[in-house]
Amino acid sequence: MNPPKIKRRVGKYEVGRTIGEGTFAKVKFARNSETGEAVALKILDKDKVLKHKMAEQIKREIATMKLIKHPHVVRLYEVMGSKTKIYIVLEFVTGGELFDKIVNHGRMREDEARKYFQQLINAVDYCHSRGVYHRDLKPENLLLDASGNLKVSDFGLSALSQQVRDDGLLHTACGTPNYVAPEVLNDRGYDGATADLWSCGVILFVLLAGYLPFDDSNVMNLYKKISAAEFTCPPWLSFSARKLITRILDPNPMTRITVSEILEDEWFKKDYKPPVFDEKEEANLDDVEAVFQDSEEHHVTEKKEEKPVAMNAFDLISMSKGLNLGNLFDEGFKRETRFTSKCPANEIISKIEEAAKPLGFGVHKKNYKMRLENSKAGRKGNLNVATEVFQVAPSLHMVEVRKAKGDTLEFHKFYKNLSTCLEDVVWKTEEDMQAIK
C-alpha cells in the first residue's frame, strides 16, 4: 500500500478531519509536519470577517489570546492567513468534553465538581484581568487534557461578532440560552465579567445536580425562569454548595457575587491550590498584523488534493479521546458516529444523498464532504448533519456522520433512519467494531 497522501496542507500543517464548527469558523485536526505535534486549526473566512466589520476586533482578540498562557485555557500558538482564509493554530486537547463526562457518568461528587470549578474560576479570573470575556461558557466548551485537567476553549474567540458600545457594555445576546445570564436577555447591555460568572454558576449546578437549573421546551418560558432565577437545588447538595450557587445565580448583576468573593467562599476554598505557571515567555505578535496585510509575501501556502483523505494509524488514534484506541468506538450519548464501507467513495456519497432527500434534507456536496440540512426546524433550529468520507485502504473507506447544528436526540433519530437506508453500503458500524475490540 502506498503511503497515505494528505488531502490538504496549510504551511507546515497537515490538515485532517473537521472536529468542530461554528457560525464564523470551522475547526480541523492538524499536525505540525516538522515536530509531529497535534494541533487544532481554527479556520475563519476572510470575506465573512470583512463583511461583518470584524477585522479589527479579531485582530485584537487574537493578539490578546496570544498573550494568555494559562494552564486551564487552551493555548493559541500562531495565526496565519491566505488570500481567503485566516488560520488560528490552537492547542489540541485530547481528553474530550466535560459535557461527555456528565452525560456518561451523571452528576459528580462535590470534591470532584469543586476541583473543576476551581480550575474554571481560576481561568476565568485570569482572562477577565486581561479584558478577555468568553460569553459562551458551557460544559461543551470545557475540555479535559490527558491528565483530566480542565481547559477552557474558545476564550475570546467564541463571540467574535460582539461589539462593546460607548457605554462600555456588550449588547448582542449570544451564547447557549440555558447558560445565558438574565441581563444578556433583556437587551439593556451587560458586563462581560458578571455574565461569564452566571454561566459558571449554571455549570457548577450541572456538575453537582446532573441536570440544568433552567430548562423548558418553550423559549419564552425558559427566559422567564432565567430572568427570575427560578430554580431549585437538589436535596443532596451540601448547605455551603447551595449557598454559593444561589449567590452566583443572582438575577441582579449588581449584587451577584464577584470572583474575589468566590475565592473567599467556604465551599470553594476547600483544598484549593492555585496553579503555578510561568508567564515570562515573550509573545510575538508580528503574525497577527501579517494576516490582515493582503500581500502575497504574507500568505501561507495551501495545497489540496481532490480525493478522500487517506488515514493512517496516527489519524485513527487522533480521532479517539486521550489517544486511546479503546475509546475510538465509545458507546454513549454522541453527536457523531462512524461506519466503514467497501464501496467506492463516489458511490457512498450518492447513496447518502439518495437516502437523505426523502427524509426532508437538502444536500450540499463539496469533494468528499456533504452538508445535509433539514428544511423543518426542530427543537433547537434546523438539524444540520456533516458527513465526510476517509480512505483507510484502497478498497476500504470510513464514513463520519456528525451533528453540525441542532438537537442531539434529533440527530440520533436521523442517523437511525439513514442507516436503515444504507444497509447495502455499510460494511461495519461502530457497534460491530466495538464487538470486535
Protein backbone atom coordinates (compact mmCIF):
# COMPACT_ATOMS: atom_id res chain seq x y z
CA MET A 1 0.00 0.00 0.00
CA ASN A 2 1.35 3.41 -0.94
CA PRO A 3 1.97 5.93 1.87
CA PRO A 4 -1.25 7.88 2.54
CA LYS A 5 -1.48 11.24 0.84
CA ILE A 6 -2.51 14.30 2.80
CA LYS A 7 -5.56 15.92 1.31
CA ARG A 8 -4.65 19.39 2.45
CA ARG A 9 -1.64 21.22 3.80
CA VAL A 10 -1.57 24.77 5.20
CA GLY A 11 2.01 25.95 5.61
CA LYS A 12 3.77 23.33 7.75
CA TYR A 13 0.49 21.82 8.97
CA GLU A 14 -1.06 18.65 7.53
CA VAL A 15 -4.84 19.14 7.81
CA GLY A 16 -7.21 16.31 8.71
CA ARG A 17 -10.83 15.90 9.71
CA THR A 18 -13.28 18.53 11.00
CA ILE A 19 -13.61 18.40 14.80
CA GLY A 20 -15.92 21.38 15.34
CA GLU A 21 -18.00 24.03 13.58
CA GLY A 22 -19.48 27.43 14.43
CA THR A 23 -21.16 30.34 12.66
CA PHE A 24 -17.93 32.02 11.62
CA ALA A 25 -15.39 29.23 11.89
CA LYS A 26 -14.56 25.56 11.36
CA VAL A 27 -12.01 23.66 13.47
CA LYS A 28 -9.91 20.87 11.97
CA PHE A 29 -7.43 18.42 13.40
CA ALA A 30 -3.94 19.14 12.05
CA ARG A 31 -0.37 18.02 12.60
CA ASN A 32 2.86 20.04 12.53
CA SER A 33 4.90 18.22 9.87
CA GLU A 34 8.17 19.49 11.40
CA THR A 35 7.56 18.37 15.02
CA GLY A 36 4.73 15.82 14.67
CA GLU A 37 2.73 17.79 17.27
CA ALA A 38 -1.07 17.56 17.03
CA VAL A 39 -2.91 20.93 16.91
CA ALA A 40 -6.43 22.22 16.33
CA LEU A 41 -6.70 24.54 13.31
CA LYS A 42 -9.49 27.12 13.51
CA ILE A 43 -10.37 28.43 10.05
CA LEU A 44 -12.18 31.75 9.51
CA ASP A 45 -13.49 33.03 6.18
CA LYS A 46 -11.91 36.44 5.38
CA ASP A 47 -14.91 37.61 3.33
CA LYS A 48 -17.28 36.98 6.27
CA VAL A 49 -14.88 38.73 8.64
CA LEU A 50 -14.73 41.85 6.42
CA LYS A 51 -18.46 41.77 5.61
CA HIS A 52 -19.34 41.86 9.33
CA LYS A 53 -16.65 44.52 10.00
CA MET A 54 -14.93 42.18 12.43
CA ALA A 55 -11.29 42.54 11.27
CA GLU A 56 -10.12 44.96 13.98
CA GLN A 57 -11.83 43.07 16.75
CA ILE A 58 -10.49 39.70 15.59
CA LYS A 59 -7.01 41.19 15.38
CA ARG A 60 -7.36 42.49 18.94
CA GLU A 61 -8.84 39.22 20.27
CA ILE A 62 -6.11 37.09 18.65
CA ALA A 63 -3.33 39.38 19.89
CA THR A 64 -4.76 39.17 23.42
CA MET A 65 -5.17 35.39 23.27
CA LYS A 66 -1.52 35.01 22.22
CA LEU A 67 -0.58 36.76 25.46
CA ILE A 68 -2.74 34.41 27.57
CA LYS A 69 -0.68 31.47 28.74
CA HIS A 70 -2.71 29.82 31.47
CA PRO A 71 -2.71 26.08 32.32
CA HIS A 72 -6.53 25.95 32.20
CA VAL A 73 -7.03 27.87 28.92
CA VAL A 74 -6.41 26.32 25.50
CA ARG A 75 -3.23 27.90 24.09
CA LEU A 76 -3.18 29.90 20.86
CA TYR A 77 0.18 29.19 19.19
CA GLU A 78 0.15 31.21 15.99
CA VAL A 79 -2.05 32.73 13.31
CA MET A 80 -1.64 32.53 9.51
CA GLY A 81 -3.52 33.95 6.56
CA SER A 82 -4.13 33.13 2.90
CA LYS A 83 -5.96 35.20 0.31
CA THR A 84 -9.34 33.87 1.51
CA LYS A 85 -8.82 32.38 4.99
CA ILE A 86 -7.47 33.12 8.49
CA TYR A 87 -5.92 30.12 10.25
CA ILE A 88 -5.62 30.11 14.05
CA VAL A 89 -3.37 27.34 15.42
CA LEU A 90 -4.57 26.13 18.84
CA GLU A 91 -3.51 23.54 21.39
CA PHE A 92 -5.15 20.14 20.67
CA VAL A 93 -6.71 18.78 23.86
CA THR A 94 -7.20 15.01 23.90
CA GLY A 95 -9.46 14.23 26.89
CA GLY A 96 -12.84 15.13 25.34
CA GLU A 97 -15.52 17.49 26.66
CA LEU A 98 -16.60 17.85 30.27
CA PHE A 99 -20.15 17.59 28.81
CA ASP A 100 -19.50 13.94 27.82
CA LYS A 101 -18.29 13.09 31.34
CA ILE A 102 -21.58 14.35 32.80
CA VAL A 103 -23.72 12.62 30.16
CA ASN A 104 -21.93 9.28 30.50
CA HIS A 105 -21.41 9.20 34.28
CA GLY A 106 -24.06 11.55 35.67
CA ARG A 107 -23.61 14.09 38.47
CA MET A 108 -20.30 14.41 40.27
CA ARG A 109 -19.33 14.16 43.91
CA GLU A 110 -18.77 17.59 45.45
CA ASP A 111 -14.98 17.09 45.74
CA GLU A 112 -14.67 16.27 42.02
CA ALA A 113 -17.01 19.10 40.92
CA ARG A 114 -15.12 21.52 43.20
CA LYS A 115 -11.80 20.70 41.50
CA TYR A 116 -13.18 21.51 38.04
CA PHE A 117 -14.98 24.62 39.30
CA GLN A 118 -11.79 25.91 40.96
CA GLN A 119 -9.89 25.44 37.68
CA LEU A 120 -12.71 27.17 35.75
CA ILE A 121 -12.85 30.19 38.08
CA ASN A 122 -9.05 30.50 38.05
CA ALA A 123 -9.02 30.58 34.22
CA VAL A 124 -11.99 32.98 34.01
CA ASP A 125 -10.45 35.35 36.58
CA TYR A 126 -7.10 35.37 34.74
CA CYS A 127 -8.71 36.15 31.37
CA HIS A 128 -11.03 38.82 32.80
CA SER A 129 -7.99 40.54 34.33
CA ARG A 130 -6.71 40.90 30.75
CA GLY A 131 -10.01 42.19 29.38
CA VAL A 132 -10.99 38.93 27.68
CA TYR A 133 -14.56 37.61 28.13
CA HIS A 134 -15.85 34.28 26.90
CA ARG A 135 -19.61 34.96 26.52
CA ASP A 136 -20.45 31.32 25.76
CA LEU A 137 -19.29 29.29 28.75
CA LYS A 138 -20.93 25.84 28.89
CA PRO A 139 -19.69 22.26 29.52
CA GLU A 140 -19.24 21.70 25.75
CA ASN A 141 -16.58 24.47 25.74
CA LEU A 142 -14.74 22.94 28.70
CA LEU A 143 -12.26 20.32 27.56
CA LEU A 144 -10.16 17.88 29.56
CA ASP A 145 -6.49 17.18 28.88
CA ALA A 146 -4.85 13.74 29.09
CA SER A 147 -4.37 14.24 32.87
CA GLY A 148 -8.04 15.12 33.42
CA ASN A 149 -7.40 18.84 33.98
CA LEU A 150 -9.84 21.46 32.71
CA LYS A 151 -9.04 23.53 29.61
CA VAL A 152 -11.40 26.35 28.61
CA SER A 153 -11.66 26.51 24.82
CA ASP A 154 -12.67 29.41 22.59
CA PHE A 155 -11.88 32.02 25.24
CA GLY A 156 -12.08 35.37 23.48
CA LEU A 157 -12.80 33.73 20.13
CA SER A 158 -16.32 32.38 20.61
CA ALA A 159 -18.19 35.65 20.20
CA LEU A 160 -16.15 37.42 17.54
CA SER A 161 -19.12 39.41 16.25
CA GLN A 162 -19.86 41.06 19.60
CA GLN A 163 -19.19 44.77 19.98
CA VAL A 164 -18.79 46.99 23.02
CA ARG A 165 -20.77 50.23 22.67
CA ASP A 166 -19.91 53.67 24.05
CA ASP A 167 -21.48 52.75 27.40
CA GLY A 168 -18.81 50.08 27.83
CA LEU A 169 -21.38 47.27 27.72
CA LEU A 170 -21.96 44.43 25.29
CA HIS A 171 -25.36 44.50 23.61
CA THR A 172 -25.80 41.39 21.50
CA ALA A 173 -27.45 38.36 23.08
CA CYS A 174 -25.28 35.36 22.41
CA GLY A 175 -24.38 32.03 23.93
CA THR A 176 -26.47 28.96 24.67
CA PRO A 177 -29.87 30.01 26.14
CA ASN A 178 -29.75 27.69 29.19
CA TYR A 179 -26.41 29.17 30.32
CA VAL A 180 -27.08 32.83 29.47
CA ALA A 181 -27.37 35.49 32.21
CA PRO A 182 -30.69 37.41 32.60
CA GLU A 183 -29.08 40.76 31.71
CA VAL A 184 -27.90 39.32 28.37
CA LEU A 185 -31.53 38.51 27.51
CA ASN A 186 -33.08 41.87 28.44
CA ASP A 187 -31.10 43.83 25.79
CA ARG A 188 -30.11 46.74 28.01
CA GLY A 189 -26.41 45.96 27.87
CA TYR A 190 -24.34 43.76 30.14
CA ASP A 191 -20.91 43.42 31.68
CA GLY A 192 -18.95 40.51 30.18
CA ALA A 193 -17.36 39.54 33.51
CA THR A 194 -20.57 39.21 35.55
CA ALA A 195 -22.33 37.47 32.65
CA ASP A 196 -19.50 34.90 32.46
CA LEU A 197 -19.83 34.30 36.22
CA TRP A 198 -23.54 33.49 35.86
CA SER A 199 -22.61 30.85 33.25
CA CYS A 200 -20.02 29.45 35.70
CA GLY A 201 -22.83 29.14 38.27
CA VAL A 202 -25.01 27.18 35.83
CA ILE A 203 -22.04 24.91 35.06
CA LEU A 204 -21.46 24.28 38.78
CA PHE A 205 -25.16 23.40 39.21
CA VAL A 206 -24.97 20.94 36.27
CA LEU A 207 -21.81 19.29 37.67
CA LEU A 208 -23.44 18.76 41.08
CA ALA A 209 -27.04 18.04 40.02
CA GLY A 210 -26.55 16.26 36.68
CA TYR A 211 -29.24 18.43 35.03
CA LEU A 212 -29.84 22.09 34.11
CA PRO A 213 -31.20 24.60 36.65
CA PHE A 214 -33.21 26.37 33.93
CA ASP A 215 -34.85 24.26 31.25
CA ASP A 216 -38.07 24.50 29.24
CA SER A 217 -39.01 23.43 25.71
CA ASN A 218 -40.75 26.82 25.31
CA VAL A 219 -38.08 29.50 24.86
CA MET A 220 -40.21 32.29 26.37
CA ASN A 221 -40.86 30.18 29.49
CA LEU A 222 -37.14 29.43 29.69
CA TYR A 223 -36.32 33.17 29.54
CA LYS A 224 -38.85 33.89 32.31
CA LYS A 225 -37.29 31.24 34.56
CA ILE A 226 -33.80 32.65 33.93
CA SER A 227 -34.89 36.26 34.50
CA ALA A 228 -36.49 35.33 37.84
CA ALA A 229 -33.65 32.91 38.74
CA GLU A 230 -36.39 30.32 39.22
CA PHE A 231 -34.55 27.11 40.16
CA THR A 232 -34.43 24.56 42.97
CA CYS A 233 -31.27 22.91 44.29
CA PRO A 234 -31.46 19.11 44.63
CA PRO A 235 -31.66 17.79 48.23
CA TRP A 236 -28.28 16.00 48.07
CA LEU A 237 -26.31 19.27 47.86
CA SER A 238 -24.49 20.46 50.97
CA PHE A 239 -25.69 23.72 52.55
CA SER A 240 -22.45 25.55 51.58
CA ALA A 241 -22.72 24.41 47.93
CA ARG A 242 -26.35 25.61 47.75
CA LYS A 243 -25.39 28.93 49.30
CA LEU A 244 -22.61 29.53 46.72
CA ILE A 245 -24.82 28.57 43.76
CA THR A 246 -27.58 30.90 44.98
CA ARG A 247 -25.11 33.80 45.28
CA ILE A 248 -23.81 33.21 41.73
CA LEU A 249 -27.26 32.73 40.18
CA ASP A 250 -28.42 36.14 41.41
CA PRO A 251 -30.54 37.71 38.62
CA ASN A 252 -29.26 41.18 39.57
CA PRO A 253 -25.72 41.59 38.16
CA MET A 254 -25.06 44.46 40.59
CA THR A 255 -25.47 42.22 43.66
CA ARG A 256 -24.17 38.98 42.11
CA ILE A 257 -21.11 37.50 43.83
CA THR A 258 -17.74 38.58 42.36
CA VAL A 259 -14.68 36.43 41.61
CA SER A 260 -12.81 37.83 44.61
CA GLU A 261 -15.77 36.88 46.83
CA ILE A 262 -15.91 33.38 45.30
CA LEU A 263 -12.19 32.93 46.11
CA GLU A 264 -13.04 33.60 49.77
CA ASP A 265 -16.10 31.32 49.82
CA GLU A 266 -16.06 28.48 52.38
CA TRP A 267 -17.10 25.74 49.89
CA PHE A 268 -14.78 26.97 47.12
CA LYS A 269 -11.68 27.30 49.32
CA LYS A 270 -11.57 23.64 50.41
CA ASP A 271 -8.34 22.02 49.04
CA TYR A 272 -7.85 25.00 46.68
CA LYS A 273 -4.40 25.11 45.09
CA PRO A 274 -3.99 27.95 42.55
CA PRO A 275 -1.93 26.75 39.56
CA VAL A 276 1.72 27.81 39.42
CA PHE A 277 2.86 28.77 35.94
CA ASP A 278 5.45 30.88 34.15
CA GLU A 279 4.22 33.91 32.18
CA LYS A 280 7.66 35.26 31.26
CA GLU A 281 7.82 33.83 27.73
CA GLU A 282 7.57 36.66 25.20
CA ALA A 283 4.73 36.53 22.67
CA ASN A 284 5.47 37.55 19.09
CA LEU A 285 2.54 39.47 17.57
CA ASP A 286 4.04 40.02 14.09
CA ASP A 287 1.93 37.20 12.57
CA VAL A 288 -1.30 38.86 13.79
CA GLU A 289 -0.60 42.00 11.73
CA ALA A 290 0.65 39.98 8.74
CA VAL A 291 -2.62 38.03 8.49
CA PHE A 292 -4.57 41.17 7.57
CA GLN A 293 -1.99 42.53 5.11
CA ASP A 294 -3.30 41.47 1.71
CA SER A 295 0.07 40.80 0.07
CA GLU A 296 1.41 37.54 -1.36
CA GLU A 297 4.56 37.57 0.79
CA HIS A 298 2.45 37.20 3.96
CA HIS A 299 0.19 34.45 2.60
CA VAL A 300 0.61 30.89 3.82
CA THR A 301 0.89 28.15 1.16
CA GLU A 302 -2.20 25.96 0.73
CA LYS A 303 -2.20 22.63 -1.10
CA LYS A 304 -5.23 20.45 -1.86
CA GLU A 305 -6.00 17.09 -3.47
CA GLU A 306 -9.39 16.13 -4.94
CA LYS A 307 -9.66 12.70 -3.26
CA PRO A 308 -10.79 11.33 0.11
CA VAL A 309 -8.40 11.99 2.97
CA ALA A 310 -6.14 8.98 3.49
CA MET A 311 -5.96 7.84 7.11
CA ASN A 312 -3.01 6.20 8.79
CA ALA A 313 -2.75 4.76 12.32
CA PHE A 314 -1.84 8.18 13.73
CA ASP A 315 -5.01 9.71 12.27
CA LEU A 316 -7.16 6.88 13.66
CA ILE A 317 -5.67 7.35 17.13
CA SER A 318 -6.22 11.13 16.93
CA MET A 319 -9.96 10.51 16.47
CA SER A 320 -10.13 8.89 19.90
CA LYS A 321 -10.27 10.62 23.28
CA GLY A 322 -6.99 10.68 25.16
CA LEU A 323 -5.04 8.87 22.40
CA ASN A 324 -6.60 5.58 23.47
CA LEU A 325 -7.81 3.32 20.67
CA GLY A 326 -10.25 1.70 23.09
CA ASN A 327 -12.15 5.00 23.16
CA LEU A 328 -12.34 5.33 19.38
CA PHE A 329 -15.56 3.35 19.19
CA ASP A 330 -17.01 4.53 22.50
CA GLU A 331 -20.67 3.92 23.21
CA GLY A 332 -22.78 6.63 24.83
CA PHE A 333 -24.60 9.87 24.10
CA LYS A 334 -22.77 11.06 20.98
CA ARG A 335 -23.02 13.78 18.41
CA GLU A 336 -21.07 11.85 15.82
CA THR A 337 -20.80 8.25 14.64
CA ARG A 338 -18.84 6.32 12.05
CA PHE A 339 -19.13 3.27 9.83
CA THR A 340 -16.85 1.58 7.31
CA SER A 341 -17.71 0.65 3.74
CA LYS A 342 -16.09 -1.35 0.94
CA CYS A 343 -17.98 0.70 -1.68
CA PRO A 344 -16.14 3.32 -3.81
CA ALA A 345 -16.18 6.83 -2.30
CA ASN A 346 -18.38 8.31 -5.07
CA GLU A 347 -20.95 5.56 -4.60
CA ILE A 348 -21.07 6.19 -0.82
CA ILE A 349 -21.71 9.90 -1.43
CA SER A 350 -24.51 9.14 -3.94
CA LYS A 351 -26.19 6.63 -1.62
CA ILE A 352 -26.17 9.05 1.35
CA GLU A 353 -27.69 11.74 -0.89
CA GLU A 354 -30.41 9.32 -2.11
CA ALA A 355 -31.21 8.33 1.48
CA ALA A 356 -31.21 11.87 2.95
CA LYS A 357 -33.51 13.60 0.46
CA PRO A 358 -36.68 11.55 1.26
CA LEU A 359 -36.04 12.32 4.96
CA GLY A 360 -36.51 16.03 4.18
CA PHE A 361 -32.85 17.04 3.95
CA GLY A 362 -31.28 19.40 1.42
CA VAL A 363 -27.84 18.22 0.26
CA HIS A 364 -24.72 20.35 -0.36
CA LYS A 365 -21.67 18.49 -1.71
CA LYS A 366 -18.02 19.50 -1.86
CA ASN A 367 -15.44 16.88 -2.86
CA TYR A 368 -15.96 14.02 -0.37
CA LYS A 369 -17.81 16.07 2.22
CA MET A 370 -21.51 16.72 2.45
CA ARG A 371 -23.75 19.04 4.44
CA LEU A 372 -27.30 17.79 5.00
CA GLU A 373 -29.82 20.37 6.21
CA ASN A 374 -33.35 19.60 7.37
CA SER A 375 -35.90 22.00 5.88
CA LYS A 376 -38.07 21.74 9.04
CA ALA A 377 -36.95 23.44 12.25
CA GLY A 378 -36.62 21.13 15.25
CA ARG A 379 -36.26 21.75 18.98
CA LYS A 380 -33.01 23.67 18.51
CA GLY A 381 -33.50 25.00 14.97
CA ASN A 382 -32.76 23.17 11.73
CA LEU A 383 -30.77 19.96 12.15
CA ASN A 384 -27.55 20.13 10.12
CA VAL A 385 -25.51 16.97 9.58
CA ALA A 386 -21.95 16.91 8.19
CA THR A 387 -20.52 13.77 6.59
CA GLU A 388 -17.03 13.04 5.32
CA VAL A 389 -15.52 10.00 3.59
CA PHE A 390 -11.95 8.97 4.58
CA GLN A 391 -9.80 6.38 2.81
CA VAL A 392 -8.41 3.78 5.23
CA ALA A 393 -7.12 1.44 2.48
CA PRO A 394 -7.55 1.36 -1.34
CA SER A 395 -10.79 -0.64 -1.03
CA LEU A 396 -11.94 0.47 2.44
CA HIS A 397 -13.47 3.81 3.50
CA MET A 398 -14.53 5.20 6.86
CA VAL A 399 -17.56 7.49 6.86
CA GLU A 400 -18.06 10.00 9.66
CA VAL A 401 -21.59 11.33 10.27
CA ARG A 402 -21.61 14.29 12.66
CA LYS A 403 -24.20 16.69 14.05
CA ALA A 404 -23.10 20.19 12.96
CA LYS A 405 -26.13 22.06 14.32
CA GLY A 406 -29.43 21.31 16.04
CA ASP A 407 -30.66 18.84 18.66
CA THR A 408 -28.57 15.76 19.51
CA LEU A 409 -31.58 13.48 20.02
CA GLU A 410 -32.97 14.52 16.62
CA PHE A 411 -29.56 13.64 15.15
CA HIS A 412 -29.77 10.15 16.68
CA LYS A 413 -33.23 9.64 15.18
CA PHE A 414 -31.98 10.85 11.77
CA TYR A 415 -28.97 8.50 11.86
CA LYS A 416 -31.18 5.53 12.74
CA ASN A 417 -33.35 6.27 9.67
CA LEU A 418 -30.31 6.91 7.49
CA SER A 419 -28.57 3.67 8.48
CA THR A 420 -31.69 1.66 7.54
CA CYS A 421 -31.43 3.10 4.01
CA LEU A 422 -27.70 2.37 3.77
CA GLU A 423 -27.72 -1.33 4.62
CA ASP A 424 -26.07 -2.28 1.31
CA VAL A 425 -23.33 0.34 1.78
CA VAL A 426 -22.31 -0.25 5.40
CA TRP A 427 -19.66 -2.92 5.98
CA LYS A 428 -19.21 -2.43 9.72
CA THR A 429 -20.85 0.02 12.14
CA GLU A 430 -19.30 1.32 15.35
CA GLU A 431 -21.25 -1.38 17.22
CA ASP A 432 -19.63 -4.08 15.06
CA MET A 433 -16.20 -2.57 15.66
CA GLN A 434 -16.93 -2.41 19.41
CA ALA A 435 -17.78 -6.12 19.38
CA ILE A 436 -14.51 -6.96 17.61
CA LYS A 437 -12.41 -4.94 20.08
